[in-house]
Amino acid sequence: MAKITVNGKTQEIEDNATLAKLIVSNNISQPDMVSIQLNEEFILKNDYGSITLKDGDTVDFLYFMGGGQ
């Protein structure tokens, strides 16, 4: 097991978990509307399935909202 920080809260994840698995395990609705920062770097959506998380990583799910006038 590895410990990571997700949106400021500590989580334990399986070893070799990917960002794609993290999205599923965190029940992210509308994953196409979420951007992910891993250790303060934006990750391309195409890479979510290939990037493996490590102990001590920091992940932020960022939701972009539209609207206004």
N, C-alpha and C. Protein backbone atom coordinates (compact mmCIF):
# COMPACT_ATOMS: atom_id res chain seq x y z
N MET A 1 0.84 -1.19 0.00
CA MET A 1 0.00 0.00 0.00
C MET A 1 0.88 1.25 0.00
N ALA A 2 0.39 2.27 -0.65
CA ALA A 2 1.08 3.56 -0.70
C ALA A 2 0.16 4.62 -0.12
N LYS A 3 0.74 5.63 0.49
CA LYS A 3 -0.03 6.76 1.00
C LYS A 3 0.20 7.94 0.09
N ILE A 4 -0.91 8.53 -0.37
CA ILE A 4 -0.85 9.71 -1.20
C ILE A 4 -1.78 10.76 -0.60
N THR A 5 -1.69 11.97 -1.10
CA THR A 5 -2.60 13.03 -0.69
C THR A 5 -3.48 13.38 -1.88
N VAL A 6 -4.80 13.33 -1.66
CA VAL A 6 -5.76 13.66 -2.71
C VAL A 6 -6.60 14.82 -2.23
N ASN A 7 -6.49 15.94 -2.93
CA ASN A 7 -7.22 17.16 -2.56
C ASN A 7 -7.07 17.47 -1.07
N GLY A 8 -5.85 17.33 -0.57
CA GLY A 8 -5.53 17.70 0.80
C GLY A 8 -5.77 16.64 1.85
N LYS A 9 -6.28 15.47 1.45
CA LYS A 9 -6.56 14.41 2.42
C LYS A 9 -5.73 13.17 2.09
N THR A 10 -5.21 12.53 3.12
CA THR A 10 -4.39 11.32 2.94
C THR A 10 -5.28 10.14 2.56
N GLN A 11 -4.80 9.37 1.59
CA GLN A 11 -5.49 8.15 1.16
C GLN A 11 -4.47 7.04 1.03
N GLU A 12 -4.90 5.82 1.29
CA GLU A 12 -4.07 4.66 0.99
C GLU A 12 -4.57 4.05 -0.31
N ILE A 13 -3.62 3.72 -1.18
CA ILE A 13 -3.97 3.12 -2.46
C ILE A 13 -3.14 1.86 -2.65
N GLU A 14 -3.57 1.02 -3.57
CA GLU A 14 -2.82 -0.18 -3.92
C GLU A 14 -1.51 0.22 -4.57
N ASP A 15 -0.49 -0.60 -4.36
CA ASP A 15 0.76 -0.38 -5.07
C ASP A 15 0.49 -0.45 -6.57
N ASN A 16 1.16 0.37 -7.32
CA ASN A 16 1.06 0.43 -8.78
C ASN A 16 -0.30 0.89 -9.29
N ALA A 17 -1.08 1.59 -8.46
CA ALA A 17 -2.36 2.15 -8.92
C ALA A 17 -2.08 3.28 -9.91
N THR A 18 -2.94 3.40 -10.89
CA THR A 18 -2.79 4.47 -11.89
C THR A 18 -3.76 5.61 -11.57
N LEU A 19 -3.56 6.72 -12.25
CA LEU A 19 -4.50 7.83 -12.10
C LEU A 19 -5.91 7.41 -12.53
N ALA A 20 -6.01 6.59 -13.56
CA ALA A 20 -7.32 6.12 -14.02
C ALA A 20 -8.02 5.33 -12.91
N LYS A 21 -7.30 4.47 -12.21
CA LYS A 21 -7.89 3.71 -11.10
C LYS A 21 -8.28 4.63 -9.96
N LEU A 22 -7.49 5.68 -9.73
CA LEU A 22 -7.80 6.63 -8.67
C LEU A 22 -9.10 7.37 -8.96
N ILE A 23 -9.33 7.71 -10.21
CA ILE A 23 -10.57 8.37 -10.61
C ILE A 23 -11.76 7.48 -10.26
N VAL A 24 -11.66 6.20 -10.58
CA VAL A 24 -12.74 5.26 -10.30
C VAL A 24 -12.93 5.08 -8.80
N SER A 25 -11.83 4.89 -8.07
CA SER A 25 -11.94 4.63 -6.62
C SER A 25 -12.45 5.84 -5.85
N ASN A 26 -12.31 7.04 -6.42
CA ASN A 26 -12.81 8.25 -5.76
C ASN A 26 -14.19 8.66 -6.29
N ASN A 27 -14.80 7.77 -7.09
CA ASN A 27 -16.16 8.01 -7.61
C ASN A 27 -16.30 9.39 -8.24
N ILE A 28 -15.34 9.73 -9.08
CA ILE A 28 -15.38 11.02 -9.75
C ILE A 28 -16.46 10.98 -10.83
N SER A 29 -17.49 11.79 -10.64
CA SER A 29 -18.53 11.87 -11.66
C SER A 29 -18.04 12.84 -12.73
N GLN A 30 -18.38 12.58 -13.94
CA GLN A 30 -17.97 13.39 -15.08
C GLN A 30 -16.45 13.55 -15.16
N PRO A 31 -15.71 12.44 -15.25
CA PRO A 31 -14.25 12.53 -15.30
C PRO A 31 -13.73 13.34 -16.49
N ASP A 32 -14.57 13.48 -17.52
CA ASP A 32 -14.15 14.28 -18.67
C ASP A 32 -14.14 15.77 -18.35
N MET A 33 -14.74 16.16 -17.23
CA MET A 33 -14.77 17.56 -16.81
C MET A 33 -13.72 17.87 -15.73
N VAL A 34 -12.83 16.93 -15.46
CA VAL A 34 -11.84 17.07 -14.40
C VAL A 34 -10.45 17.12 -15.00
N SER A 35 -9.64 18.03 -14.49
CA SER A 35 -8.21 18.03 -14.80
C SER A 35 -7.49 17.53 -13.57
N ILE A 36 -6.35 16.91 -13.79
CA ILE A 36 -5.59 16.36 -12.67
C ILE A 36 -4.20 16.97 -12.63
N GLN A 37 -3.82 17.38 -11.42
CA GLN A 37 -2.45 17.78 -11.16
C GLN A 37 -1.82 16.69 -10.31
N LEU A 38 -0.65 16.23 -10.73
CA LEU A 38 0.13 15.27 -9.97
C LEU A 38 1.42 15.97 -9.58
N ASN A 39 1.60 16.13 -8.27
CA ASN A 39 2.78 16.84 -7.76
C ASN A 39 2.94 18.20 -8.44
N GLU A 40 1.81 18.92 -8.55
CA GLU A 40 1.72 20.28 -9.08
C GLU A 40 1.97 20.40 -10.58
N GLU A 41 1.91 19.28 -11.30
CA GLU A 41 2.04 19.31 -12.76
C GLU A 41 0.77 18.75 -13.38
N PHE A 42 0.22 19.47 -14.37
CA PHE A 42 -0.97 18.99 -15.06
C PHE A 42 -0.63 17.76 -15.88
N ILE A 43 -1.56 16.79 -15.88
CA ILE A 43 -1.37 15.54 -16.60
C ILE A 43 -2.37 15.49 -17.75
N LEU A 44 -1.92 15.04 -18.91
CA LEU A 44 -2.81 14.89 -20.06
C LEU A 44 -3.76 13.73 -19.83
N LYS A 45 -5.01 13.89 -20.24
CA LYS A 45 -6.02 12.85 -20.04
C LYS A 45 -5.59 11.52 -20.66
N ASN A 46 -4.91 11.56 -21.78
CA ASN A 46 -4.45 10.34 -22.45
C ASN A 46 -3.46 9.55 -21.60
N ASP A 47 -2.85 10.20 -20.61
CA ASP A 47 -1.83 9.54 -19.79
C ASP A 47 -2.36 8.97 -18.48
N TYR A 48 -3.64 9.19 -18.17
CA TYR A 48 -4.20 8.75 -16.88
C TYR A 48 -4.02 7.25 -16.65
N GLY A 49 -4.14 6.45 -17.68
CA GLY A 49 -4.03 5.00 -17.53
C GLY A 49 -2.61 4.49 -17.44
N SER A 50 -1.64 5.31 -17.80
CA SER A 50 -0.26 4.84 -17.82
C SER A 50 0.61 5.41 -16.70
N ILE A 51 0.11 6.39 -15.97
CA ILE A 51 0.90 6.99 -14.90
C ILE A 51 0.60 6.26 -13.59
N THR A 52 1.65 5.69 -13.02
CA THR A 52 1.54 4.94 -11.77
C THR A 52 1.85 5.87 -10.60
N LEU A 53 1.02 5.80 -9.59
CA LEU A 53 1.20 6.64 -8.40
C LEU A 53 2.20 6.00 -7.44
N LYS A 54 2.95 6.87 -6.74
CA LYS A 54 3.96 6.42 -5.79
C LYS A 54 3.65 6.97 -4.41
N ASP A 55 4.20 6.31 -3.40
CA ASP A 55 4.05 6.77 -2.03
C ASP A 55 4.52 8.22 -1.93
N GLY A 56 3.70 9.06 -1.31
CA GLY A 56 4.05 10.46 -1.12
C GLY A 56 3.57 11.39 -2.21
N ASP A 57 2.98 10.86 -3.29
CA ASP A 57 2.47 11.72 -4.36
C ASP A 57 1.32 12.58 -3.86
N THR A 58 1.15 13.73 -4.51
CA THR A 58 0.04 14.62 -4.23
C THR A 58 -0.78 14.77 -5.50
N VAL A 59 -2.07 14.48 -5.40
CA VAL A 59 -2.99 14.55 -6.53
C VAL A 59 -4.09 15.56 -6.21
N ASP A 60 -4.38 16.42 -7.18
CA ASP A 60 -5.48 17.36 -7.04
C ASP A 60 -6.41 17.19 -8.23
N PHE A 61 -7.70 16.96 -7.92
CA PHE A 61 -8.74 16.94 -8.94
C PHE A 61 -9.27 18.36 -9.06
N LEU A 62 -9.19 18.92 -10.24
CA LEU A 62 -9.62 20.30 -10.46
C LEU A 62 -10.83 20.31 -11.39
N TYR A 63 -11.90 20.91 -10.91
CA TYR A 63 -13.15 20.97 -11.66
C TYR A 63 -13.31 22.37 -12.24
N PHE A 64 -13.47 22.44 -13.55
CA PHE A 64 -13.64 23.72 -14.20
C PHE A 64 -15.12 23.92 -14.51
N MET A 65 -15.64 25.01 -14.04
CA MET A 65 -17.05 25.30 -14.21
C MET A 65 -17.22 26.46 -15.19
N GLY A 66 -18.20 26.35 -16.04
CA GLY A 66 -18.50 27.41 -16.97
C GLY A 66 -19.71 28.19 -16.49
N GLY A 67 -20.00 29.22 -17.20
CA GLY A 67 -21.18 29.99 -16.87
C GLY A 67 -20.85 31.44 -16.55
N GLY A 68 -21.83 32.13 -16.10
CA GLY A 68 -21.64 33.54 -15.78
C GLY A 68 -22.01 34.41 -16.95
N GLN A 69 -21.81 35.70 -16.76
CA GLN A 69 -22.14 36.64 -17.84
C GLN A 69 -21.01 37.58 -18.09
